[in-house]
Amino acid sequence: MQTGRKHNNGNESMDRIEKLKEFLVSSPDDAFLMHALALEYVKKGDDTRARALFEKLLQKDENYVGSYYHLGLLLERQGEEKLAAYFYEKGMQIAKATGESHAYNELQAAYENLVY
């Protein structure tokens, strides 16, 4: 029995990507939008675009702690363990300084998983 709903994740992902890109035109420095767009690229398997966005975001706003975690994971997938460890460590420093204990714990777990 069909419900009339189509499941086409590829198109849904592209729609979200296009919408986020449109929002970024009017708010190019919005860290949340950049992070969300980078995550959509990760879901799509486009690590090159995701990495560029995470790096750009962290240059503009080094306190956006969640991006350190996701960039680290992406770098691990690309075999760049030393660079991933750097971003986990940097993220832990920022999380500690800003009092974001949950983010700190996630970054620390990822770091320890990588180096131990």
N, C-alpha and C. Protein backbone atom coordinates (compact mmCIF):
# COMPACT_ATOMS: atom_id res chain seq x y z
N MET A 1 0.84 -1.17 0.00
CA MET A 1 0.00 0.00 0.00
C MET A 1 0.89 1.25 0.00
N GLN A 2 0.63 2.14 -0.87
CA GLN A 2 1.42 3.36 -0.94
C GLN A 2 0.70 4.48 -0.22
N THR A 3 1.49 5.30 0.46
CA THR A 3 0.90 6.40 1.22
C THR A 3 0.93 7.71 0.45
N GLY A 4 1.55 7.70 -0.70
CA GLY A 4 1.64 8.91 -1.48
C GLY A 4 2.89 9.71 -1.17
N ARG A 5 3.61 9.32 -0.12
CA ARG A 5 4.86 10.01 0.23
C ARG A 5 6.00 9.40 -0.54
N LYS A 6 6.80 10.24 -1.11
CA LYS A 6 7.97 9.76 -1.83
C LYS A 6 9.18 9.89 -0.93
N HIS A 7 10.02 8.88 -0.97
CA HIS A 7 11.26 8.92 -0.21
C HIS A 7 12.40 9.07 -1.20
N ASN A 8 12.84 10.28 -1.33
CA ASN A 8 13.94 10.55 -2.24
C ASN A 8 14.94 11.42 -1.51
N ASN A 9 15.77 10.78 -0.69
CA ASN A 9 16.71 11.51 0.15
C ASN A 9 17.70 12.33 -0.66
N GLY A 10 18.06 11.90 -1.84
CA GLY A 10 18.99 12.66 -2.68
C GLY A 10 18.43 14.02 -3.01
N ASN A 11 17.17 14.06 -3.43
CA ASN A 11 16.55 15.34 -3.76
C ASN A 11 16.31 16.19 -2.53
N GLU A 12 15.92 15.57 -1.41
CA GLU A 12 15.70 16.32 -0.18
C GLU A 12 17.00 16.97 0.27
N SER A 13 18.08 16.23 0.16
CA SER A 13 19.39 16.77 0.55
C SER A 13 19.77 17.94 -0.35
N MET A 14 19.55 17.80 -1.63
CA MET A 14 19.87 18.88 -2.56
C MET A 14 18.99 20.11 -2.28
N ASP A 15 17.71 19.86 -1.95
CA ASP A 15 16.82 20.98 -1.61
C ASP A 15 17.34 21.72 -0.38
N ARG A 16 17.75 20.98 0.65
CA ARG A 16 18.29 21.61 1.86
C ARG A 16 19.57 22.38 1.54
N ILE A 17 20.41 21.79 0.73
CA ILE A 17 21.65 22.46 0.34
C ILE A 17 21.35 23.77 -0.37
N GLU A 18 20.44 23.72 -1.32
CA GLU A 18 20.09 24.94 -2.08
C GLU A 18 19.48 26.01 -1.16
N LYS A 19 18.62 25.60 -0.24
CA LYS A 19 18.00 26.56 0.67
C LYS A 19 19.05 27.19 1.57
N LEU A 20 19.95 26.37 2.11
CA LEU A 20 21.00 26.90 2.98
C LEU A 20 21.91 27.87 2.22
N LYS A 21 22.22 27.53 0.98
CA LYS A 21 23.05 28.42 0.15
C LYS A 21 22.34 29.76 -0.08
N GLU A 22 21.02 29.70 -0.30
CA GLU A 22 20.25 30.93 -0.47
C GLU A 22 20.29 31.79 0.79
N PHE A 23 20.12 31.15 1.96
CA PHE A 23 20.17 31.89 3.22
C PHE A 23 21.54 32.52 3.42
N LEU A 24 22.59 31.81 3.02
CA LEU A 24 23.95 32.32 3.18
C LEU A 24 24.24 33.53 2.30
N VAL A 25 23.50 33.67 1.20
CA VAL A 25 23.69 34.84 0.34
C VAL A 25 23.36 36.10 1.13
N SER A 26 22.28 36.06 1.91
CA SER A 26 21.90 37.25 2.68
C SER A 26 22.59 37.31 4.05
N SER A 27 23.11 36.19 4.53
CA SER A 27 23.82 36.16 5.82
C SER A 27 25.11 35.37 5.68
N PRO A 28 26.08 35.88 4.92
CA PRO A 28 27.28 35.10 4.58
C PRO A 28 28.17 34.73 5.77
N ASP A 29 28.04 35.43 6.89
CA ASP A 29 28.87 35.13 8.04
C ASP A 29 28.14 34.35 9.13
N ASP A 30 26.97 33.83 8.82
CA ASP A 30 26.18 33.10 9.80
C ASP A 30 26.80 31.72 10.05
N ALA A 31 27.40 31.55 11.22
CA ALA A 31 28.11 30.30 11.54
C ALA A 31 27.17 29.10 11.56
N PHE A 32 25.96 29.30 12.08
CA PHE A 32 25.00 28.19 12.13
C PHE A 32 24.68 27.69 10.72
N LEU A 33 24.43 28.62 9.81
CA LEU A 33 24.11 28.23 8.42
C LEU A 33 25.29 27.53 7.76
N MET A 34 26.49 28.04 7.98
CA MET A 34 27.68 27.41 7.40
C MET A 34 27.86 26.01 7.93
N HIS A 35 27.68 25.84 9.24
CA HIS A 35 27.82 24.53 9.87
C HIS A 35 26.77 23.57 9.31
N ALA A 36 25.53 24.03 9.23
CA ALA A 36 24.45 23.19 8.71
C ALA A 36 24.71 22.78 7.26
N LEU A 37 25.19 23.70 6.44
CA LEU A 37 25.50 23.38 5.05
C LEU A 37 26.65 22.38 4.97
N ALA A 38 27.66 22.56 5.79
CA ALA A 38 28.78 21.60 5.81
C ALA A 38 28.28 20.21 6.17
N LEU A 39 27.38 20.11 7.15
CA LEU A 39 26.83 18.81 7.53
C LEU A 39 26.02 18.18 6.40
N GLU A 40 25.31 19.01 5.65
CA GLU A 40 24.57 18.48 4.49
C GLU A 40 25.55 17.92 3.44
N TYR A 41 26.66 18.60 3.24
CA TYR A 41 27.66 18.08 2.31
C TYR A 41 28.25 16.76 2.83
N VAL A 42 28.45 16.66 4.13
CA VAL A 42 28.94 15.40 4.71
C VAL A 42 27.95 14.28 4.41
N LYS A 43 26.66 14.54 4.66
CA LYS A 43 25.62 13.52 4.40
C LYS A 43 25.64 13.09 2.94
N LYS A 44 25.89 14.04 2.07
CA LYS A 44 25.91 13.78 0.62
C LYS A 44 27.20 13.07 0.19
N GLY A 45 28.21 13.05 1.07
CA GLY A 45 29.48 12.43 0.74
C GLY A 45 30.45 13.37 0.06
N ASP A 46 30.18 14.66 0.13
CA ASP A 46 31.05 15.66 -0.49
C ASP A 46 31.97 16.25 0.58
N ASP A 47 32.98 15.47 0.97
CA ASP A 47 33.89 15.89 2.02
C ASP A 47 34.71 17.12 1.64
N THR A 48 34.99 17.30 0.37
CA THR A 48 35.78 18.45 -0.06
C THR A 48 35.07 19.76 0.26
N ARG A 49 33.80 19.84 -0.12
CA ARG A 49 33.03 21.07 0.16
C ARG A 49 32.79 21.23 1.66
N ALA A 50 32.50 20.12 2.33
CA ALA A 50 32.26 20.17 3.78
C ALA A 50 33.51 20.68 4.50
N ARG A 51 34.65 20.13 4.15
CA ARG A 51 35.90 20.54 4.80
C ARG A 51 36.18 22.02 4.58
N ALA A 52 36.00 22.49 3.36
CA ALA A 52 36.24 23.90 3.06
C ALA A 52 35.32 24.80 3.90
N LEU A 53 34.08 24.39 4.06
CA LEU A 53 33.14 25.20 4.85
C LEU A 53 33.50 25.18 6.33
N PHE A 54 33.82 23.99 6.87
CA PHE A 54 34.21 23.92 8.29
C PHE A 54 35.43 24.79 8.54
N GLU A 55 36.42 24.72 7.65
CA GLU A 55 37.64 25.51 7.82
C GLU A 55 37.35 27.00 7.73
N LYS A 56 36.52 27.40 6.77
CA LYS A 56 36.14 28.81 6.62
C LYS A 56 35.39 29.29 7.86
N LEU A 57 34.47 28.47 8.33
CA LEU A 57 33.68 28.82 9.51
C LEU A 57 34.60 29.04 10.71
N LEU A 58 35.54 28.13 10.94
CA LEU A 58 36.42 28.24 12.11
C LEU A 58 37.40 29.40 11.99
N GLN A 59 37.71 29.82 10.76
CA GLN A 59 38.52 31.02 10.60
C GLN A 59 37.72 32.26 10.99
N LYS A 60 36.44 32.26 10.68
CA LYS A 60 35.58 33.41 10.99
C LYS A 60 35.14 33.41 12.46
N ASP A 61 34.89 32.22 13.00
CA ASP A 61 34.37 32.12 14.37
C ASP A 61 35.00 30.91 15.05
N GLU A 62 36.13 31.14 15.70
CA GLU A 62 36.86 30.01 16.30
C GLU A 62 36.13 29.42 17.51
N ASN A 63 35.08 30.08 17.98
CA ASN A 63 34.33 29.57 19.12
C ASN A 63 33.18 28.65 18.74
N TYR A 64 33.01 28.34 17.46
CA TYR A 64 31.92 27.46 17.04
C TYR A 64 32.37 26.00 17.24
N VAL A 65 32.26 25.54 18.48
CA VAL A 65 32.88 24.31 18.95
C VAL A 65 32.45 23.07 18.16
N GLY A 66 31.19 22.98 17.78
CA GLY A 66 30.71 21.78 17.08
C GLY A 66 31.44 21.50 15.78
N SER A 67 31.94 22.53 15.15
CA SER A 67 32.63 22.33 13.88
C SER A 67 33.99 21.66 14.06
N TYR A 68 34.62 21.84 15.22
CA TYR A 68 35.89 21.15 15.47
C TYR A 68 35.68 19.64 15.47
N TYR A 69 34.61 19.21 16.10
CA TYR A 69 34.30 17.78 16.18
C TYR A 69 34.04 17.21 14.78
N HIS A 70 33.18 17.85 14.04
CA HIS A 70 32.82 17.32 12.72
C HIS A 70 33.97 17.42 11.73
N LEU A 71 34.76 18.47 11.81
CA LEU A 71 35.94 18.57 10.94
C LEU A 71 36.93 17.48 11.30
N GLY A 72 37.11 17.22 12.60
CA GLY A 72 38.00 16.14 13.03
C GLY A 72 37.57 14.80 12.48
N LEU A 73 36.29 14.49 12.57
CA LEU A 73 35.78 13.22 12.03
C LEU A 73 36.04 13.12 10.53
N LEU A 74 35.79 14.21 9.83
CA LEU A 74 36.00 14.24 8.38
C LEU A 74 37.47 13.99 8.06
N LEU A 75 38.36 14.65 8.79
CA LEU A 75 39.80 14.47 8.55
C LEU A 75 40.25 13.05 8.86
N GLU A 76 39.66 12.45 9.88
CA GLU A 76 39.97 11.04 10.17
C GLU A 76 39.60 10.16 8.98
N ARG A 77 38.40 10.39 8.43
CA ARG A 77 37.96 9.60 7.26
C ARG A 77 38.92 9.77 6.09
N GLN A 78 39.52 10.95 5.99
CA GLN A 78 40.44 11.23 4.88
C GLN A 78 41.86 10.77 5.19
N GLY A 79 42.06 10.15 6.36
CA GLY A 79 43.37 9.62 6.71
C GLY A 79 44.33 10.68 7.26
N GLU A 80 43.82 11.83 7.62
CA GLU A 80 44.66 12.91 8.14
C GLU A 80 44.54 12.96 9.67
N GLU A 81 45.07 11.90 10.31
CA GLU A 81 44.91 11.75 11.76
C GLU A 81 45.57 12.87 12.55
N LYS A 82 46.76 13.30 12.16
CA LYS A 82 47.45 14.36 12.92
C LYS A 82 46.66 15.66 12.89
N LEU A 83 46.12 15.99 11.72
CA LEU A 83 45.33 17.21 11.60
C LEU A 83 44.01 17.07 12.37
N ALA A 84 43.42 15.89 12.33
CA ALA A 84 42.20 15.63 13.10
C ALA A 84 42.47 15.83 14.59
N ALA A 85 43.59 15.28 15.07
CA ALA A 85 43.95 15.42 16.49
C ALA A 85 44.13 16.89 16.84
N TYR A 86 44.75 17.66 15.95
CA TYR A 86 44.93 19.09 16.18
C TYR A 86 43.57 19.78 16.39
N PHE A 87 42.61 19.49 15.51
CA PHE A 87 41.31 20.15 15.62
C PHE A 87 40.54 19.68 16.85
N TYR A 88 40.67 18.40 17.22
CA TYR A 88 40.05 17.94 18.46
C TYR A 88 40.64 18.69 19.66
N GLU A 89 41.96 18.81 19.68
CA GLU A 89 42.62 19.51 20.80
C GLU A 89 42.21 20.98 20.85
N LYS A 90 42.22 21.62 19.71
CA LYS A 90 41.83 23.04 19.64
C LYS A 90 40.38 23.20 20.09
N GLY A 91 39.53 22.31 19.65
CA GLY A 91 38.12 22.34 20.06
C GLY A 91 37.96 22.14 21.56
N MET A 92 38.77 21.24 22.14
CA MET A 92 38.71 21.04 23.59
C MET A 92 39.12 22.31 24.33
N GLN A 93 40.15 23.00 23.84
CA GLN A 93 40.58 24.25 24.47
C GLN A 93 39.46 25.29 24.44
N ILE A 94 38.82 25.42 23.28
CA ILE A 94 37.74 26.41 23.14
C ILE A 94 36.56 26.00 24.01
N ALA A 95 36.19 24.72 24.00
CA ALA A 95 35.06 24.25 24.80
C ALA A 95 35.30 24.49 26.29
N LYS A 96 36.52 24.24 26.72
CA LYS A 96 36.85 24.47 28.13
C LYS A 96 36.75 25.96 28.46
N ALA A 97 37.29 26.79 27.58
CA ALA A 97 37.28 28.24 27.82
C ALA A 97 35.87 28.81 27.81
N THR A 98 34.97 28.22 27.03
CA THR A 98 33.61 28.74 26.93
C THR A 98 32.62 27.99 27.83
N GLY A 99 33.13 27.02 28.58
CA GLY A 99 32.29 26.30 29.53
C GLY A 99 31.32 25.31 28.90
N GLU A 100 31.66 24.83 27.72
CA GLU A 100 30.79 23.87 27.04
C GLU A 100 31.27 22.45 27.36
N SER A 101 30.85 21.95 28.52
CA SER A 101 31.37 20.67 29.01
C SER A 101 30.94 19.48 28.15
N HIS A 102 29.73 19.49 27.63
CA HIS A 102 29.28 18.38 26.79
C HIS A 102 30.13 18.30 25.52
N ALA A 103 30.34 19.43 24.89
CA ALA A 103 31.18 19.48 23.68
C ALA A 103 32.60 19.04 24.01
N TYR A 104 33.11 19.50 25.15
CA TYR A 104 34.46 19.11 25.58
C TYR A 104 34.55 17.59 25.70
N ASN A 105 33.57 16.98 26.34
CA ASN A 105 33.59 15.53 26.52
C ASN A 105 33.54 14.78 25.19
N GLU A 106 32.74 15.26 24.25
CA GLU A 106 32.66 14.62 22.93
C GLU A 106 33.99 14.75 22.18
N LEU A 107 34.57 15.92 22.24
CA LEU A 107 35.86 16.14 21.58
C LEU A 107 36.95 15.30 22.23
N GLN A 108 36.93 15.22 23.55
CA GLN A 108 37.93 14.43 24.27
C GLN A 108 37.80 12.95 23.91
N ALA A 109 36.58 12.44 23.85
CA ALA A 109 36.35 11.04 23.49
C ALA A 109 36.86 10.76 22.08
N ALA A 110 36.57 11.65 21.15
CA ALA A 110 37.03 11.48 19.77
C ALA A 110 38.56 11.51 19.71
N TYR A 111 39.15 12.43 20.44
CA TYR A 111 40.61 12.56 20.49
C TYR A 111 41.24 11.30 21.06
N GLU A 112 40.72 10.83 22.18
CA GLU A 112 41.27 9.63 22.82
C GLU A 112 41.09 8.40 21.93
N ASN A 113 39.96 8.33 21.25
CA ASN A 113 39.72 7.24 20.30
C ASN A 113 40.77 7.23 19.20
N LEU A 114 41.17 8.40 18.81
CA LEU A 114 42.13 8.55 17.71
C LEU A 114 43.56 8.24 18.14
N VAL A 115 43.97 8.75 19.29
CA VAL A 115 45.38 8.66 19.66
C VAL A 115 45.73 7.48 20.55
N TYR A 116 44.74 6.82 21.14
CA TYR A 116 45.05 5.69 22.03
C TYR A 116 44.66 4.37 21.42
